[in-house]
C-alpha atoms as a PDB file:
ATOM      1  CA  UNK A   1      38.188 -40.155 -26.756  1.00  0.00           C
ATOM      2  CA  UNK A   2      34.558 -40.435 -25.691  1.00  0.00           C
ATOM      3  CA  UNK A   3      34.046 -43.219 -23.197  1.00  0.00           C
ATOM      4  CA  UNK A   4      31.589 -46.038 -23.850  1.00  0.00           C
ATOM      5  CA  UNK A   5      29.483 -44.775 -20.958  1.00  0.00           C
ATOM      6  CA  UNK A   6      29.153 -41.306 -22.542  1.00  0.00           C
ATOM      7  CA  UNK A   7      28.303 -42.644 -25.987  1.00  0.00           C
ATOM      8  CA  UNK A   8      24.943 -43.966 -24.801  1.00  0.00           C
ATOM      9  CA  UNK A   9      23.466 -40.572 -23.748  1.00  0.00           C
ATOM     10  CA  UNK A  10      24.988 -38.849 -26.805  1.00  0.00           C
ATOM     11  CA  UNK A  11      23.466 -41.433 -29.123  1.00  0.00           C
ATOM     12  CA  UNK A  12      20.083 -41.004 -27.463  1.00  0.00           C
ATOM     13  CA  UNK A  13      20.296 -37.222 -27.889  1.00  0.00           C
ATOM     14  CA  UNK A  14      21.169 -37.620 -31.567  1.00  0.00           C
ATOM     15  CA  UNK A  15      18.219 -39.921 -32.116  1.00  0.00           C
ATOM     16  CA  UNK A  16      15.870 -37.548 -30.307  1.00  0.00           C
ATOM     17  CA  UNK A  17      17.178 -34.599 -32.351  1.00  0.00           C
ATOM     18  CA  UNK A  18      16.822 -36.610 -35.556  1.00  0.00           C
ATOM     19  CA  UNK A  19      13.213 -37.516 -34.724  1.00  0.00           C
ATOM     20  CA  UNK A  20      12.462 -33.880 -33.955  1.00  0.00           C
ATOM     21  CA  UNK A  21      13.955 -32.672 -37.232  1.00  0.00           C
ATOM     22  CA  UNK A  22      12.053 -35.308 -39.215  1.00  0.00           C
ATOM     23  CA  UNK A  23       8.847 -34.133 -37.558  1.00  0.00           C
ATOM     24  CA  UNK A  24       9.639 -30.485 -38.366  1.00  0.00           C
ATOM     25  CA  UNK A  25      10.318 -31.446 -41.990  1.00  0.00           C
ATOM     26  CA  UNK A  26       7.088 -33.434 -42.099  1.00  0.00           C
ATOM     27  CA  UNK A  27       5.105 -30.448 -40.857  1.00  0.00           C
ATOM     28  CA  UNK A  28       6.828 -28.199 -43.398  1.00  0.00           C
ATOM     29  CA  UNK A  29       5.809 -30.489 -46.260  1.00  0.00           C
ATOM     30  CA  UNK A  30       2.264 -30.796 -44.937  1.00  0.00           C
ATOM     31  CA  UNK A  31       1.820 -27.035 -44.621  1.00  0.00           C
ATOM     32  CA  UNK A  32       2.540 -25.811 -48.107  1.00  0.00           C
ATOM     33  CA  UNK A  33      -0.189 -23.206 -47.614  1.00  0.00           C
ATOM     34  CA  UNK A  34       1.364 -21.906 -44.398  1.00  0.00           C
ATOM     35  CA  UNK A  35       1.823 -18.273 -45.543  1.00  0.00           C
ATOM     36  CA  UNK A  36      -1.884 -18.014 -46.372  1.00  0.00           C
ATOM     37  CA  UNK A  37      -2.814 -19.752 -43.135  1.00  0.00           C
ATOM     38  CA  UNK A  38      -0.737 -17.333 -41.070  1.00  0.00           C
ATOM     39  CA  UNK A  39      -2.571 -14.408 -42.635  1.00  0.00           C
ATOM     40  CA  UNK A  40      -5.781 -15.792 -41.145  1.00  0.00           C
ATOM     41  CA  UNK A  41      -4.469 -15.762 -37.574  1.00  0.00           C
ATOM     42  CA  UNK A  42      -6.526 -13.366 -35.473  1.00  0.00           C
ATOM     43  CA  UNK A  43      -8.487 -12.184 -38.515  1.00  0.00           C
ATOM     44  CA  UNK A  44     -11.842 -12.759 -36.751  1.00  0.00           C
ATOM     45  CA  UNK A  45     -10.938 -10.980 -33.515  1.00  0.00           C
ATOM     46  CA  UNK A  46     -13.872  -9.076 -32.035  1.00  0.00           C
ATOM     47  CA  UNK A  47     -16.440 -11.319 -33.743  1.00  0.00           C
ATOM     48  CA  UNK A  48     -18.609 -14.251 -32.707  1.00  0.00           C
ATOM     49  CA  UNK A  49     -19.262 -17.540 -34.492  1.00  0.00           C
ATOM     50  CA  UNK A  50     -21.801 -20.349 -34.227  1.00  0.00           C
ATOM     51  CA  UNK A  51     -20.267 -23.833 -34.366  1.00  0.00           C
ATOM     52  CA  UNK A  52     -22.905 -26.369 -35.351  1.00  0.00           C
ATOM     53  CA  UNK A  53     -22.686 -30.100 -34.745  1.00  0.00           C
ATOM     54  CA  UNK A  54     -25.035 -32.578 -36.388  1.00  0.00           C
ATOM     55  CA  UNK A  55     -27.165 -33.940 -33.552  1.00  0.00           C
ATOM     56  CA  UNK A  56     -30.954 -34.198 -33.974  1.00  0.00           C
ATOM     57  CA  UNK A  57     -31.464 -31.258 -31.609  1.00  0.00           C
ATOM     58  CA  UNK A  58     -30.090 -28.885 -34.250  1.00  0.00           C
ATOM     59  CA  UNK A  59     -33.406 -29.153 -36.126  1.00  0.00           C
ATOM     60  CA  UNK A  60     -35.200 -27.728 -33.065  1.00  0.00           C
ATOM     61  CA  UNK A  61     -33.475 -24.339 -33.434  1.00  0.00           C
ATOM     62  CA  UNK A  62     -34.557 -21.494 -35.701  1.00  0.00           C
ATOM     63  CA  UNK A  63     -31.334 -21.217 -37.684  1.00  0.00           C
ATOM     64  CA  UNK A  64     -32.747 -18.409 -39.828  1.00  0.00           C
ATOM     65  CA  UNK A  65     -31.389 -16.209 -37.006  1.00  0.00           C
ATOM     66  CA  UNK A  66     -27.918 -16.970 -38.361  1.00  0.00           C
ATOM     67  CA  UNK A  67     -28.382 -14.833 -41.457  1.00  0.00           C
ATOM     68  CA  UNK A  68     -25.426 -12.444 -41.370  1.00  0.00           C
ATOM     69  CA  UNK A  69     -23.605 -14.405 -38.636  1.00  0.00           C
ATOM     70  CA  UNK A  70     -20.382 -16.379 -39.011  1.00  0.00           C
ATOM     71  CA  UNK A  71     -21.279 -20.080 -39.069  1.00  0.00           C
ATOM     72  CA  UNK A  72     -19.002 -23.129 -38.887  1.00  0.00           C
ATOM     73  CA  UNK A  73     -20.266 -26.633 -39.662  1.00  0.00           C
ATOM     74  CA  UNK A  74     -18.501 -29.987 -39.499  1.00  0.00           C
ATOM     75  CA  UNK A  75     -18.563 -33.069 -41.717  1.00  0.00           C
ATOM     76  CA  UNK A  76     -21.924 -33.431 -43.487  1.00  0.00           C
ATOM     77  CA  UNK A  77     -23.530 -30.642 -41.498  1.00  0.00           C
ATOM     78  CA  UNK A  78     -23.449 -28.985 -44.924  1.00  0.00           C
ATOM     79  CA  UNK A  79     -26.818 -30.639 -45.501  1.00  0.00           C
ATOM     80  CA  UNK A  80     -28.412 -28.018 -43.286  1.00  0.00           C
ATOM     81  CA  UNK A  81     -27.943 -25.655 -46.233  1.00  0.00           C
ATOM     82  CA  UNK A  82     -30.642 -27.590 -48.077  1.00  0.00           C
ATOM     83  CA  UNK A  83     -33.320 -26.659 -45.567  1.00  0.00           C
ATOM     84  CA  UNK A  84     -32.658 -24.924 -42.254  1.00  0.00           C
ATOM     85  CA  UNK A  85     -29.404 -22.932 -42.563  1.00  0.00           C
ATOM     86  CA  UNK A  86     -28.982 -19.734 -44.632  1.00  0.00           C
ATOM     87  CA  UNK A  87     -25.223 -20.013 -45.245  1.00  0.00           C
ATOM     88  CA  UNK A  88     -21.885 -21.445 -44.062  1.00  0.00           C
ATOM     89  CA  UNK A  89     -18.710 -19.444 -43.433  1.00  0.00           C
ATOM     90  CA  UNK A  90     -16.368 -22.269 -42.364  1.00  0.00           C
ATOM     91  CA  UNK A  91     -16.416 -26.024 -42.980  1.00  0.00           C
ATOM     92  CA  UNK A  92     -14.243 -28.515 -41.053  1.00  0.00           C
ATOM     93  CA  UNK A  93     -13.782 -32.208 -41.904  1.00  0.00           C
ATOM     94  CA  UNK A  94     -10.644 -33.877 -40.564  1.00  0.00           C
ATOM     95  CA  UNK A  95     -11.601 -37.564 -40.599  1.00  0.00           C
ATOM     96  CA  UNK A  96     -10.108 -39.562 -43.500  1.00  0.00           C
ATOM     97  CA  UNK A  97     -13.011 -41.989 -43.872  1.00  0.00           C
ATOM     98  CA  UNK A  98     -15.527 -39.169 -43.851  1.00  0.00           C
ATOM     99  CA  UNK A  99     -13.806 -36.933 -46.391  1.00  0.00           C
ATOM    100  CA  UNK A 100     -12.785 -39.645 -48.872  1.00  0.00           C
ATOM    101  CA  UNK A 101     -16.254 -41.194 -48.821  1.00  0.00           C
ATOM    102  CA  UNK A 102     -18.155 -37.898 -49.194  1.00  0.00           C
ATOM    103  CA  UNK A 103     -15.606 -35.781 -51.096  1.00  0.00           C
ATOM    104  CA  UNK A 104     -17.751 -35.232 -54.203  1.00  0.00           C
ATOM    105  CA  UNK A 105     -20.776 -34.258 -52.106  1.00  0.00           C
ATOM    106  CA  UNK A 106     -18.671 -31.869 -50.026  1.00  0.00           C
ATOM    107  CA  UNK A 107     -17.257 -30.144 -53.092  1.00  0.00           C
ATOM    108  CA  UNK A 108     -20.721 -29.876 -54.618  1.00  0.00           C
ATOM    109  CA  UNK A 109     -21.915 -27.977 -51.522  1.00  0.00           C
ATOM    110  CA  UNK A 110     -18.798 -25.801 -51.561  1.00  0.00           C
ATOM    111  CA  UNK A 111     -19.496 -24.789 -55.165  1.00  0.00           C
ATOM    112  CA  UNK A 112     -23.237 -24.281 -54.799  1.00  0.00           C
ATOM    113  CA  UNK A 113     -23.032 -22.250 -51.598  1.00  0.00           C
ATOM    114  CA  UNK A 114     -19.659 -20.545 -52.088  1.00  0.00           C
ATOM    115  CA  UNK A 115     -18.103 -21.587 -48.771  1.00  0.00           C
ATOM    116  CA  UNK A 116     -14.994 -19.401 -48.265  1.00  0.00           C
ATOM    117  CA  UNK A 117     -12.978 -21.157 -45.536  1.00  0.00           C
ATOM    118  CA  UNK A 118     -12.447 -24.896 -45.419  1.00  0.00           C
ATOM    119  CA  UNK A 119     -10.200 -27.021 -43.193  1.00  0.00           C
ATOM    120  CA  UNK A 120      -9.670 -30.724 -43.935  1.00  0.00           C
ATOM    121  CA  UNK A 121      -7.424 -33.480 -42.606  1.00  0.00           C
ATOM    122  CA  UNK A 122      -4.170 -33.907 -44.493  1.00  0.00           C
ATOM    123  CA  UNK A 123      -5.327 -37.343 -45.663  1.00  0.00           C
ATOM    124  CA  UNK A 124      -7.870 -35.696 -47.960  1.00  0.00           C
ATOM    125  CA  UNK A 125      -5.329 -33.752 -50.029  1.00  0.00           C
ATOM    126  CA  UNK A 126      -4.792 -36.418 -52.729  1.00  0.00           C
ATOM    127  CA  UNK A 127      -8.512 -37.098 -53.032  1.00  0.00           C
ATOM    128  CA  UNK A 128      -9.262 -33.380 -53.334  1.00  0.00           C
ATOM    129  CA  UNK A 129      -6.667 -32.872 -56.069  1.00  0.00           C
ATOM    130  CA  UNK A 130      -8.157 -35.677 -58.181  1.00  0.00           C
ATOM    131  CA  UNK A 131     -11.697 -34.308 -58.159  1.00  0.00           C
ATOM    132  CA  UNK A 132     -12.774 -32.657 -61.441  1.00  0.00           C
ATOM    133  CA  UNK A 133     -14.980 -30.066 -59.714  1.00  0.00           C
ATOM    134  CA  UNK A 134     -13.757 -28.332 -56.589  1.00  0.00           C
ATOM    135  CA  UNK A 135     -14.697 -25.415 -54.358  1.00  0.00           C
ATOM    136  CA  UNK A 136     -12.313 -22.964 -52.706  1.00  0.00           C
ATOM    137  CA  UNK A 137      -8.847 -24.334 -51.892  1.00  0.00           C
ATOM    138  CA  UNK A 138      -8.937 -25.915 -48.403  1.00  0.00           C
ATOM    139  CA  UNK A 139      -6.311 -25.753 -45.683  1.00  0.00           C
ATOM    140  CA  UNK A 140      -5.149 -29.278 -44.905  1.00  0.00           C
ATOM    141  CA  UNK A 141      -4.558 -29.889 -41.190  1.00  0.00           C
ATOM    142  CA  UNK A 142      -2.221 -32.348 -39.479  1.00  0.00           C
ATOM    143  CA  UNK A 143      -3.859 -34.428 -36.758  1.00  0.00           C
ATOM    144  CA  UNK A 144      -1.533 -36.477 -34.557  1.00  0.00           C
ATOM    145  CA  UNK A 145      -2.111 -39.882 -33.021  1.00  0.00           C
ATOM    146  CA  UNK A 146      -1.599 -38.669 -29.460  1.00  0.00           C
ATOM    147  CA  UNK A 147      -4.610 -37.334 -27.592  1.00  0.00           C
ATOM    148  CA  UNK A 148      -5.414 -33.659 -27.212  1.00  0.00           C
ATOM    149  CA  UNK A 149      -4.602 -33.989 -23.515  1.00  0.00           C
ATOM    150  CA  UNK A 150      -1.078 -35.137 -24.381  1.00  0.00           C
ATOM    151  CA  UNK A 151      -0.508 -32.556 -27.124  1.00  0.00           C
ATOM    152  CA  UNK A 152      -2.472 -29.719 -25.551  1.00  0.00           C
ATOM    153  CA  UNK A 153      -5.045 -27.321 -26.981  1.00  0.00           C
ATOM    154  CA  UNK A 154      -3.214 -26.042 -30.077  1.00  0.00           C
ATOM    155  CA  UNK A 155      -3.801 -22.381 -31.028  1.00  0.00           C
ATOM    156  CA  UNK A 156      -1.610 -22.891 -34.119  1.00  0.00           C
ATOM    157  CA  UNK A 157      -3.024 -25.320 -36.737  1.00  0.00           C
ATOM    158  CA  UNK A 158       0.334 -25.919 -38.432  1.00  0.00           C
ATOM    159  CA  UNK A 159       1.731 -27.642 -35.306  1.00  0.00           C
ATOM    160  CA  UNK A 160      -0.726 -30.503 -35.541  1.00  0.00           C
ATOM    161  CA  UNK A 161      -3.689 -31.321 -33.312  1.00  0.00           C
ATOM    162  CA  UNK A 162      -4.094 -34.232 -30.949  1.00  0.00           C
ATOM    163  CA  UNK A 163      -6.704 -36.872 -31.677  1.00  0.00           C
ATOM    164  CA  UNK A 164     -10.048 -36.435 -29.941  1.00  0.00           C
ATOM    165  CA  UNK A 165     -13.540 -37.835 -29.643  1.00  0.00           C
ATOM    166  CA  UNK A 166     -15.212 -35.319 -31.936  1.00  0.00           C
ATOM    167  CA  UNK A 167     -14.224 -33.094 -34.846  1.00  0.00           C
ATOM    168  CA  UNK A 168     -15.853 -30.265 -32.910  1.00  0.00           C
ATOM    169  CA  UNK A 169     -12.752 -30.028 -30.694  1.00  0.00           C
ATOM    170  CA  UNK A 170     -10.493 -29.585 -33.716  1.00  0.00           C
ATOM    171  CA  UNK A 171     -12.928 -26.996 -35.086  1.00  0.00           C
ATOM    172  CA  UNK A 172     -12.699 -25.125 -31.768  1.00  0.00           C
ATOM    173  CA  UNK A 173      -8.924 -24.933 -32.089  1.00  0.00           C
ATOM    174  CA  UNK A 174      -9.277 -23.520 -35.596  1.00  0.00           C
ATOM    175  CA  UNK A 175     -11.809 -20.939 -34.403  1.00  0.00           C
ATOM    176  CA  UNK A 176      -9.467 -20.002 -31.558  1.00  0.00           C
ATOM    177  CA  UNK A 177      -6.654 -19.522 -34.107  1.00  0.00           C
ATOM    178  CA  UNK A 178      -8.912 -17.299 -36.214  1.00  0.00           C
ATOM    179  CA  UNK A 179      -9.425 -15.106 -33.163  1.00  0.00           C
ATOM    180  CA  UNK A 180     -13.164 -15.327 -32.451  1.00  0.00           C
ATOM    181  CA  UNK A 181     -14.049 -13.757 -29.094  1.00  0.00           C
ATOM    182  CA  UNK A 182     -17.282 -15.724 -28.676  1.00  0.00           C
ATOM    183  CA  UNK A 183     -18.061 -19.260 -29.839  1.00  0.00           C
ATOM    184  CA  UNK A 184     -21.540 -20.710 -29.390  1.00  0.00           C
ATOM    185  CA  UNK A 185     -21.952 -24.424 -30.082  1.00  0.00           C
ATOM    186  CA  UNK A 186     -25.243 -26.131 -30.902  1.00  0.00           C
ATOM    187  CA  UNK A 187     -26.338 -29.593 -31.981  1.00  0.00           C
ATOM    188  CA  UNK A 188     -23.813 -31.331 -29.703  1.00  0.00           C
ATOM    189  CA  UNK A 189     -26.074 -34.062 -28.379  1.00  0.00           C
ATOM    190  CA  UNK A 190     -23.345 -36.606 -27.502  1.00  0.00           C
ATOM    191  CA  UNK A 191     -25.908 -39.357 -27.876  1.00  0.00           C
ATOM    192  CA  UNK A 192     -25.588 -42.153 -30.421  1.00  0.00           C
ATOM    193  CA  UNK A 193     -28.161 -44.359 -28.763  1.00  0.00           C
ATOM    194  CA  UNK A 194     -31.179 -43.166 -30.752  1.00  0.00           C
ATOM    195  CA  UNK A 195     -32.441 -44.395 -34.100  1.00  0.00           C
ATOM    196  CA  UNK A 196     -31.685 -41.032 -35.709  1.00  0.00           C
ATOM    197  CA  UNK A 197     -28.144 -39.882 -34.800  1.00  0.00           C
ATOM    198  CA  UNK A 198     -28.183 -36.757 -36.990  1.00  0.00           C
ATOM    199  CA  UNK A 199     -30.497 -33.865 -37.784  1.00  0.00           C
ATOM    200  CA  UNK A 200     -30.656 -35.068 -41.395  1.00  0.00           C
ATOM    201  CA  UNK A 201     -32.083 -38.271 -42.817  1.00  0.00           C
ATOM    202  CA  UNK A 202     -29.534 -40.986 -43.526  1.00  0.00           C
ATOM    203  CA  UNK A 203     -28.774 -42.029 -47.117  1.00  0.00           C
ATOM    204  CA  UNK A 204     -27.384 -45.345 -48.324  1.00  0.00           C
ATOM    205  CA  UNK A 205     -23.882 -43.865 -48.298  1.00  0.00           C
ATOM    206  CA  UNK A 206     -24.406 -42.717 -44.701  1.00  0.00           C
ATOM    207  CA  UNK A 207     -25.414 -46.231 -43.681  1.00  0.00           C
ATOM    208  CA  UNK A 208     -22.267 -47.652 -45.273  1.00  0.00           C
ATOM    209  CA  UNK A 209     -20.191 -45.075 -43.417  1.00  0.00           C
ATOM    210  CA  UNK A 210     -21.837 -45.785 -40.073  1.00  0.00           C
ATOM    211  CA  UNK A 211     -21.285 -49.539 -40.526  1.00  0.00           C
ATOM    212  CA  UNK A 212     -17.571 -49.070 -41.289  1.00  0.00           C
ATOM    213  CA  UNK A 213     -15.586 -50.911 -38.605  1.00  0.00           C
ATOM    214  CA  UNK A 214     -13.044 -48.087 -38.427  1.00  0.00           C
ATOM    215  CA  UNK A 215     -15.824 -45.589 -37.760  1.00  0.00           C
ATOM    216  CA  UNK A 216     -17.425 -47.825 -35.141  1.00  0.00           C
ATOM    217  CA  UNK A 217     -14.064 -48.334 -33.430  1.00  0.00           C
ATOM    218  CA  UNK A 218     -13.847 -44.598 -32.768  1.00  0.00           C
ATOM    219  CA  UNK A 219     -17.296 -44.296 -31.192  1.00  0.00           C
ATOM    220  CA  UNK A 220     -16.022 -45.008 -27.638  1.00  0.00           C
ATOM    221  CA  UNK A 221     -13.816 -41.908 -27.932  1.00  0.00           C
ATOM    222  CA  UNK A 222     -17.014 -39.868 -27.666  1.00  0.00           C
ATOM    223  CA  UNK A 223     -17.079 -40.812 -23.984  1.00  0.00           C
ATOM    224  CA  UNK A 224     -14.264 -38.275 -23.479  1.00  0.00           C
ATOM    225  CA  UNK A 225     -16.073 -35.439 -25.279  1.00  0.00           C
ATOM    226  CA  UNK A 226     -17.313 -33.594 -22.181  1.00  0.00           C
ATOM    227  CA  UNK A 227     -13.815 -33.602 -20.732  1.00  0.00           C
ATOM    228  CA  UNK A 228     -12.394 -32.367 -24.053  1.00  0.00           C
ATOM    229  CA  UNK A 229     -14.917 -29.521 -24.231  1.00  0.00           C
ATOM    230  CA  UNK A 230     -13.967 -28.540 -20.681  1.00  0.00           C
ATOM    231  CA  UNK A 231     -10.317 -28.553 -21.771  1.00  0.00           C
ATOM    232  CA  UNK A 232     -11.172 -26.216 -24.658  1.00  0.00           C
ATOM    233  CA  UNK A 233     -13.263 -23.995 -22.373  1.00  0.00           C
ATOM    234  CA  UNK A 234     -10.238 -23.488 -20.100  1.00  0.00           C
ATOM    235  CA  UNK A 235      -8.159 -22.308 -23.061  1.00  0.00           C
ATOM    236  CA  UNK A 236     -10.833 -19.853 -24.188  1.00  0.00           C
ATOM    237  CA  UNK A 237     -11.502 -18.438 -20.735  1.00  0.00           C
ATOM    238  CA  UNK A 238      -7.790 -18.087 -20.007  1.00  0.00           C
ATOM    239  CA  UNK A 239      -7.639 -15.711 -22.970  1.00  0.00           C
ATOM    240  CA  UNK A 240     -10.773 -13.806 -21.908  1.00  0.00           C
ATOM    241  CA  UNK A 241     -12.964 -15.426 -24.561  1.00  0.00           C
ATOM    242  CA  UNK A 242     -16.342 -17.136 -24.305  1.00  0.00           C
ATOM    243  CA  UNK A 243     -17.209 -20.717 -25.213  1.00  0.00           C
ATOM    244  CA  UNK A 244     -20.826 -21.661 -24.473  1.00  0.00           C
ATOM    245  CA  UNK A 245     -23.490 -24.219 -25.371  1.00  0.00           C
ATOM    246  CA  UNK A 246     -26.447 -22.604 -27.154  1.00  0.00           C
ATOM    247  CA  UNK A 247     -28.065 -25.909 -28.041  1.00  0.00           C
ATOM    248  CA  UNK A 248     -31.127 -27.564 -26.544  1.00  0.00           C
ATOM    249  CA  UNK A 249     -31.074 -30.784 -24.559  1.00  0.00           C
ATOM    250  CA  UNK A 250     -28.265 -33.245 -25.151  1.00  0.00           C
ATOM    251  CA  UNK A 251     -25.471 -34.452 -22.890  1.00  0.00           C
ATOM    252  CA  UNK A 252     -22.912 -31.670 -23.297  1.00  0.00           C
ATOM    253  CA  UNK A 253     -22.699 -30.522 -19.682  1.00  0.00           C
ATOM    254  CA  UNK A 254     -19.176 -29.089 -19.423  1.00  0.00           C
ATOM    255  CA  UNK A 255     -19.971 -25.732 -21.043  1.00  0.00           C
ATOM    256  CA  UNK A 256     -22.160 -22.925 -19.674  1.00  0.00           C
ATOM    257  CA  UNK A 257     -25.619 -22.871 -21.228  1.00  0.00           C
ATOM    258  CA  UNK A 258     -27.166 -19.907 -23.021  1.00  0.00           C
ATOM    259  CA  UNK A 259     -30.600 -19.741 -24.623  1.00  0.00           C
ATOM    260  CA  UNK A 260     -30.196 -19.642 -28.407  1.00  0.00           C
ATOM    261  CA  UNK A 261     -32.976 -17.137 -29.054  1.00  0.00           C
ATOM    262  CA  UNK A 262     -31.594 -14.702 -26.481  1.00  0.00           C
ATOM    263  CA  UNK A 263     -28.515 -14.122 -28.652  1.00  0.00           C
ATOM    264  CA  UNK A 264     -30.517 -12.253 -31.286  1.00  0.00           C
ATOM    265  CA  UNK A 265     -32.714  -9.165 -31.307  1.00  0.00           C
ATOM    266  CA  UNK A 266     -36.481  -9.867 -31.411  1.00  0.00           C
ATOM    267  CA  UNK A 267     -37.864 -10.317 -34.906  1.00  0.00           C
ATOM    268  CA  UNK A 268     -40.189  -7.576 -36.073  1.00  0.00           C
END
């Protein structure tokens, strides 16, 4: 017979194993598109990509240089397609409030500009399925409640990302998974103190979103952004890849700076 003293540790092991198996099953259900996702792994090796945030400084760059380049935007950075950006290769939106509130707008951009690769938070799956008009089928990502520092920089999207101060960190993990050798970020101002927080003009829907208490509650997480970018930089450099800030101004100081214009040949 098993003694009473031994039953305690055995019971704890069973509970831990049960929790682990439930989590594995949860991930399996959430990653119905896993075979397609795995085919993307390393598919962009040897290439570079420009990851654009939505700070006001983005409007100071000549984004016409990005014609022919791989470009990743986040959230409503899609609006750059209306004026200053020639195309988008990858779109990332993992925040529930953001996707549900702007889902129709996002799908309209996806259809009009034929955006091939899209990565959304798992919470958007039901909303996306209900929409009458949709762009290319997105990959729905699992984002955990623990921080990225607790979960680590995840090179495999199907294992779930840790929460972080900015969607840019999740986008970086996706770009790492895709295999890009060089990632240049721009528009990361890390400054919400100004009257105009984005490169685009705010609409009524934007104002409602910004006033949402759940959105405001996450703003303090931005204080950790520099540390999170440094965390991502370590992962890239450990693998012999480059992660640099090609933006102008702003408070992102944990990445090496490069001059945006220097990354392109002189225009004739």
